[in-house]
Amino acid sequence: MSETTPPAIEVHLPEPPLTKFERERRAFYRLLPELLNTHRGQYVAIHEEQVVDSGPERLPVAMRVLERIGPADIYVGLVSVEPRQVYRSGVRRDLGRRQVGP
């Protein structure tokens, strides 16, 4: 006598809405091919899915935009073909060993 397995239940939950920051980040990557022609090597600030400022340094670009529009989520990215360089501190922490007592 063979037992049959009931069919798997499929659950389809709606995707949570994107945050404003995530929408701005996605807009940056959607606009990137065009930005490579117009802003290569520059940082661009994205607000409301549009370029609102640009310049050679990230922080001044962000500060100018936030000064103009007030506190809001924006995305500031470097227009480049190469991926952003990852910086590491060099500090390592071994989470496997714990010291007990003094």
C-alpha atoms as a PDB file:
ATOM      1  CA  MET A   1       0.000   0.000   0.000  1.00  0.00           C
ATOM      2  CA  SER A   2       1.522   3.313  -1.047  1.00  0.00           C
ATOM      3  CA  GLU A   3       0.911   6.578   0.709  1.00  0.00           C
ATOM      4  CA  THR A   4       0.368   9.669  -1.362  1.00  0.00           C
ATOM      5  CA  THR A   5       1.780  13.007  -0.376  1.00  0.00           C
ATOM      6  CA  PRO A   6      -0.714  15.850  -0.465  1.00  0.00           C
ATOM      7  CA  PRO A   7       0.155  18.564  -2.984  1.00  0.00           C
ATOM      8  CA  ALA A   8       2.322  21.381  -1.726  1.00  0.00           C
ATOM      9  CA  ILE A   9       0.513  24.555  -0.833  1.00  0.00           C
ATOM     10  CA  GLU A  10       1.714  27.599  -2.725  1.00  0.00           C
ATOM     11  CA  VAL A  11       1.573  30.906  -0.922  1.00  0.00           C
ATOM     12  CA  HIS A  12       1.918  34.095  -2.947  1.00  0.00           C
ATOM     13  CA  LEU A  13       2.456  37.096  -0.728  1.00  0.00           C
ATOM     14  CA  PRO A  14       2.524  40.579  -2.232  1.00  0.00           C
ATOM     15  CA  GLU A  15       5.944  42.175  -2.456  1.00  0.00           C
ATOM     16  CA  PRO A  16       6.403  44.953   0.088  1.00  0.00           C
ATOM     17  CA  PRO A  17       6.513  48.387  -1.530  1.00  0.00           C
ATOM     18  CA  LEU A  18       9.973  49.749  -2.264  1.00  0.00           C
ATOM     19  CA  THR A  19      11.382  52.400   0.023  1.00  0.00           C
ATOM     20  CA  LYS A  20      12.067  55.817  -1.485  1.00  0.00           C
ATOM     21  CA  PHE A  21      15.792  55.181  -1.153  1.00  0.00           C
ATOM     22  CA  GLU A  22      15.481  51.897  -3.069  1.00  0.00           C
ATOM     23  CA  ARG A  23      13.451  53.608  -5.821  1.00  0.00           C
ATOM     24  CA  GLU A  24      16.164  56.285  -6.134  1.00  0.00           C
ATOM     25  CA  ARG A  25      18.925  53.643  -6.205  1.00  0.00           C
ATOM     26  CA  ARG A  26      17.135  51.699  -8.927  1.00  0.00           C
ATOM     27  CA  ALA A  27      16.595  54.914 -10.888  1.00  0.00           C
ATOM     28  CA  PHE A  28      20.363  55.553 -10.743  1.00  0.00           C
ATOM     29  CA  TYR A  29      21.108  52.163 -12.299  1.00  0.00           C
ATOM     30  CA  ARG A  30      18.332  52.572 -14.853  1.00  0.00           C
ATOM     31  CA  LEU A  31      19.791  55.976 -15.871  1.00  0.00           C
ATOM     32  CA  LEU A  32      23.423  54.790 -15.722  1.00  0.00           C
ATOM     33  CA  PRO A  33      23.889  54.061 -19.458  1.00  0.00           C
ATOM     34  CA  GLU A  34      22.837  57.627 -20.318  1.00  0.00           C
ATOM     35  CA  LEU A  35      24.788  59.083 -17.377  1.00  0.00           C
ATOM     36  CA  LEU A  36      27.970  57.422 -18.621  1.00  0.00           C
ATOM     37  CA  ASN A  37      27.740  59.696 -21.672  1.00  0.00           C
ATOM     38  CA  THR A  38      27.000  62.877 -19.719  1.00  0.00           C
ATOM     39  CA  HIS A  39      28.420  62.528 -16.182  1.00  0.00           C
ATOM     40  CA  ARG A  40      31.190  59.879 -16.312  1.00  0.00           C
ATOM     41  CA  GLY A  41      33.492  60.161 -13.294  1.00  0.00           C
ATOM     42  CA  GLN A  42      31.061  62.427 -11.439  1.00  0.00           C
ATOM     43  CA  TYR A  43      28.789  61.765  -8.480  1.00  0.00           C
ATOM     44  CA  VAL A  44      25.135  62.343  -9.232  1.00  0.00           C
ATOM     45  CA  ALA A  45      22.289  62.833  -6.774  1.00  0.00           C
ATOM     46  CA  ILE A  46      18.973  61.193  -7.609  1.00  0.00           C
ATOM     47  CA  HIS A  47      15.715  62.578  -6.182  1.00  0.00           C
ATOM     48  CA  GLU A  48      12.245  61.725  -7.488  1.00  0.00           C
ATOM     49  CA  GLU A  49      14.042  59.364  -9.919  1.00  0.00           C
ATOM     50  CA  GLN A  50      15.823  62.264 -11.652  1.00  0.00           C
ATOM     51  CA  VAL A  51      19.328  63.720 -11.536  1.00  0.00           C
ATOM     52  CA  VAL A  52      19.162  66.841  -9.371  1.00  0.00           C
ATOM     53  CA  ASP A  53      22.870  67.625  -8.881  1.00  0.00           C
ATOM     54  CA  SER A  54      26.328  66.370  -9.749  1.00  0.00           C
ATOM     55  CA  GLY A  55      29.955  67.024  -8.932  1.00  0.00           C
ATOM     56  CA  PRO A  56      33.378  65.486  -8.372  1.00  0.00           C
ATOM     57  CA  GLU A  57      32.882  64.744  -4.654  1.00  0.00           C
ATOM     58  CA  ARG A  58      30.082  62.756  -3.039  1.00  0.00           C
ATOM     59  CA  LEU A  59      29.529  64.673   0.209  1.00  0.00           C
ATOM     60  CA  PRO A  60      29.240  68.196  -1.277  1.00  0.00           C
ATOM     61  CA  VAL A  61      26.736  66.885  -3.862  1.00  0.00           C
ATOM     62  CA  ALA A  62      24.619  65.294  -1.137  1.00  0.00           C
ATOM     63  CA  MET A  63      24.803  68.371   1.106  1.00  0.00           C
ATOM     64  CA  ARG A  64      23.742  70.764  -1.684  1.00  0.00           C
ATOM     65  CA  VAL A  65      20.718  68.622  -2.495  1.00  0.00           C
ATOM     66  CA  LEU A  66      19.657  68.178   1.116  1.00  0.00           C
ATOM     67  CA  GLU A  67      20.054  71.917   1.710  1.00  0.00           C
ATOM     68  CA  ARG A  68      17.713  72.596  -1.231  1.00  0.00           C
ATOM     69  CA  ILE A  69      15.060  69.937  -0.639  1.00  0.00           C
ATOM     70  CA  GLY A  70      15.309  69.341   3.106  1.00  0.00           C
ATOM     71  CA  PRO A  71      15.491  65.972   4.822  1.00  0.00           C
ATOM     72  CA  ALA A  72      14.628  63.323   2.268  1.00  0.00           C
ATOM     73  CA  ASP A  73      15.950  60.038   0.975  1.00  0.00           C
ATOM     74  CA  ILE A  74      18.232  60.584  -1.995  1.00  0.00           C
ATOM     75  CA  TYR A  75      20.777  58.383  -3.714  1.00  0.00           C
ATOM     76  CA  VAL A  76      24.243  59.654  -4.590  1.00  0.00           C
ATOM     77  CA  GLY A  77      26.259  57.365  -6.822  1.00  0.00           C
ATOM     78  CA  LEU A  78      29.458  57.481  -8.827  1.00  0.00           C
ATOM     79  CA  VAL A  79      28.894  57.301 -12.565  1.00  0.00           C
ATOM     80  CA  SER A  80      31.418  54.667 -13.565  1.00  0.00           C
ATOM     81  CA  VAL A  81      31.654  51.373 -15.396  1.00  0.00           C
ATOM     82  CA  GLU A  82      33.843  49.875 -12.668  1.00  0.00           C
ATOM     83  CA  PRO A  83      32.172  48.651  -9.473  1.00  0.00           C
ATOM     84  CA  ARG A  84      32.708  50.710  -6.336  1.00  0.00           C
ATOM     85  CA  GLN A  85      35.835  49.821  -4.397  1.00  0.00           C
ATOM     86  CA  VAL A  86      35.169  48.088  -1.078  1.00  0.00           C
ATOM     87  CA  TYR A  87      37.201  49.425   1.818  1.00  0.00           C
ATOM     88  CA  ARG A  88      38.076  47.172   4.730  1.00  0.00           C
ATOM     89  CA  SER A  89      39.378  48.308   8.092  1.00  0.00           C
ATOM     90  CA  GLY A  90      41.735  45.369   8.587  1.00  0.00           C
ATOM     91  CA  VAL A  91      40.266  44.674  12.025  1.00  0.00           C
ATOM     92  CA  ARG A  92      39.347  41.021  12.496  1.00  0.00           C
ATOM     93  CA  ARG A  93      37.190  39.636  15.228  1.00  0.00           C
ATOM     94  CA  ASP A  94      36.998  35.927  15.996  1.00  0.00           C
ATOM     95  CA  LEU A  95      33.381  35.253  16.931  1.00  0.00           C
ATOM     96  CA  GLY A  96      34.001  31.560  17.485  1.00  0.00           C
ATOM     97  CA  ARG A  97      35.995  31.786  20.707  1.00  0.00           C
ATOM     98  CA  ARG A  98      34.690  33.377  23.853  1.00  0.00           C
ATOM     99  CA  GLN A  99      36.804  34.193  26.836  1.00  0.00           C
ATOM    100  CA  VAL A 100      35.074  33.322  30.114  1.00  0.00           C
ATOM    101  CA  GLY A 101      36.014  35.012  33.348  1.00  0.00           C
ATOM    102  CA  PRO A 102      38.840  37.440  34.163  1.00  0.00           C
END
